[in-house]
Amino acid sequence: MLFGSIDDIMGYFTRYGNKKGFAVAKRTSRKGNDGEVESLTVACNRAGKQKNKASNSLKAQPQSKTGCKAHFNMIRCLNGWILKSMELDHNHGLSPSKTRFYKCNRVLKPHVKRQLELNAKAGIKMNKNFNSLVVEARGHENLPFLEKDCRNHMDKVKRLELGEGDAVAMNKYFLKMQADNSNFFYMMDFIEDGRLKNVFWADARSREAFKEFGDVVTFDTTYLVNKYSMPFAPFVGVNYHGQSILLGCGLISGKDTDTFKWLFESWLTCMSRVPPSAIITDQDKAMKKAIQIVFPKARHRWCLWHILKKIPEKFKGYREYKSIKFCLKNVVYDSLTKEEFEERWGRFLEKYYLESHEWLLELYNERYYWVPTFVKDTFWAGMSTTQWSESINAFFDGYVHHQTTLKEFVEQYDKALAKNVVNENTEDLNSFQSSIPCFTHYAMEKQFQSVYTTAKYKEFRKELLGKVCCNFSSCKEDGAISEYEIREDGAFGENSQHATFLVYFNKDTNEVNCNCRFFEFRGILCRHQITVLFHMKIDQVPNKYILKRWSKNIMRSHTKVRINYDNRLVKPETQRFDKMYKVFNEVADLAVDSEDKCEKVVARILKLKGEFKQEKLVCGSNEPISAGIPTDSTSCVDDLAISKETKNILDPVVVRQKGRPPSKRKQSIVEKVVRKKEERKKKKKKKTKELELQQSQQIGKESYEESLMWPNINCPPNIIGMSPYYGLPNMLQGGNSPFQSSMIRQVDNSPLQKACYDLSNEHPSNSIGKFGTNDVTKVGNRKLHEDGRGN
């Protein structure tokens, strides 16, 4: 095997590594007497030992080095380079599907950098800038770099252009997506005149992901996304990395029970009539009723954040508002049992005379839907609020806005979904390629480190470290069952210094249960359970406490499903253009480093240009002979698949809104007030800074003029001109000099100088000249606070 250069060697072994599933790097090299490299070692990038640079062992980062011995030794000969020896065995897993994420394979070529730079100058944000490259490459998997690589150049993106004929265009898009993948699902609801009312769709990946992560979902409708003011209604689950994952979504025309019932039925049909075990929503009554009808056995929970954010609105007129808010949150969060909640809630109402408060009475009657202690008997995969839905909404902030059409939205949905998939793949790589070192030598920690994904192992590790705050208070035994009282210090509640938990341990089965129900809620062992397991010297926890849901060693079926990219919509002319553009870019990359090469490329392109122009003049037209024959394979599909009735689909009715249509989640009155208050604060701060700057400049100018008039003053003139504060105490202590008179005139222009001058008048016996610079500054700061302008 003969290679011409080191670049040829690296190119060959990089391709080999991509095929086998690992990354390569130059490990060692040696130069000969002539100064040229005569030997080279190309090794797996996980060779060697990684140094832990973190000074705090609690904040250790994942390590990728495993001491892998795989390598290739190359030596230089007369005709080039030859392979001398090699080691092919790796001490870690290999993954060909993830090689594009390795750093050695992520390259930004010159033409890509140029495109990013031009887009940035046009004011395009990064996520759209990168997305244009994704569309051009027909998918993330075809790009040799990630978004974070592009952020070194640009961070601006392009907004969507609007279109017409939304309902028909969207239906055509759905038909083509379904033709590409038969598992793509969609349903459309119409009113009597054929106008679109509601729509639901789910791609093949979402349907497959539901089989593993569809037991717990959140549903949120507070995100307006299009010019028809149709709320975006996503069904969101949580994957094995703790990330949000889309399980289908809809665009609905209203928020009544019938609409929600239609949407839930559509979703249920899409998911083979398998309902979720638990669902989180806001307090919408119509939604609640629809869930009871369509998902009667599902555990329904309200978003706690949506409830507690109403506290300022409900109690803003009360004198003891802060105390009420503080106590109410303590009652909600600190109650471990239902009995404890009932007792503390009653005391809370009695203390603040709120027994007849309508909002609190309504909340109490519905306590089974939102109070943590009433819902922790159900597995929620760590989700307590609809923030998971809102995090999915954040994916669309760079893709859609209040004027986005329906067709544009569903197209951008696919792009946002693809971005979500890339984030998941990146976490897959992190968990597959590296692992966080164990903090202890306990076999239990090693057990979780080897099974759980990095994100979930971090959660377990946090609980393991929290064990240091837990101590045994008492122990009772009843046969095989032992009851332990665990006291946790300094880490519970807002005003509590400690809390006591009950942990039950079965010696026969090694089962352990805690009344905090953290494991039941998040699927992660709590620190109280860990404390008892360590006390009982249990090295390996039972399998029931290691959830397959969080495992990194399972091949998930949804990860095998390819994301749909609508290549059939590309016209033949566009396909030909992209084909030529790709070749042009490759040629430009090779010729960019040489003026001679550049001239050759330009000359040949100009020659071709002249030939094509001549052909056009001879033929009289540049249209192909088969112009009348459809060359796009989808043109026939469109005509056949879309019936006459489908073509008559009408767009939804535009619901007029007062003022500018909202582009994001609806905000409460409290949020709007807080936002306006912050804006006023910023404006006031900006005005104050501008005023102080003007005053400082004016004083500096006058000081400089006075320094020219009185050059014999002890303080150097250039210091006075640079800043009026320096030398001020010495200048004010010398009697009735002309310079002092001029400085008195300047005192009115500076709060700091005025404070110093006033102090000297109040205490004439103590010369202000005895004050140091820091003392003057303190006096000035005190004066600023008295004026109400201090920070």
Foldseek 3Di string as FASTA:
>chain_A
DFDAAVVRVQVVVQVVCLVFFFGKDWDDWDADPVRHTFKTKIATPLADDDDFPDPDLLPTDWHQHDNWPFMWIWGADDRGIDTDDTDHDGPADGDSQQSLVDPVQADDFPVLLVQQQVCQVVQAAQVQSVLVVQLLLVHPSSHSHDSVVSVVRHGGRDEDDADPPQQLLQVLVQLLLCVVPVLKDKDWDADDVQATFKMKTFHNLLLQVCVQFVQAWEWEFQFQFAQQRFTKIWTWTAFLLRAIATNIIMTGRDQALVRLLVHLVRSCVSNVNDHHQEYEYAPDPSNVVSCCVSVVNHHAAYFQVNVLVCLCVLCVPPPCSVVLSQLVVCLQFVDLAPVSSVVSVVVSCVVVVNPPPPVVVVCVVVVCRQRCNNPLLAANQQDRHCVSVVVLVVLCPSHTFHHYGNNSVVQVVLSSNSVVLVVVSVQLCSQRSTFSDDPDPFLALVVCRQWFRRSVSSVQSVQQVQLVQKDWDDWDDDVQKIKTKIKGACDDGDPDGIDIKIKIAGNVQRDIDISSSPCNYNLHDGNVSVNVCVVVVPRYHDPVSVDNSRTSPDDRPSSPDDRDDSPLVDAPVNVVVSVVVVVVSVQCSVQVVDPVSVVVVVVVVVVVVVVVVVVCVVVVHPDDPCNVPDPRPCVVVSVVVQDPSSSPNHHHRRDDDPDDDGTTGDDDPVVVVVVVVVVVVVVVVVVVVVLLVVLFQVQLVLLLVVCVVPVPDPDHSVVCNVGVLPPLLVQCQDPPDPSNVSVVVSCVSALLSVQLVVVCVVCVVDRSNPDDSVRSVVSSLVSCVVVVNHD
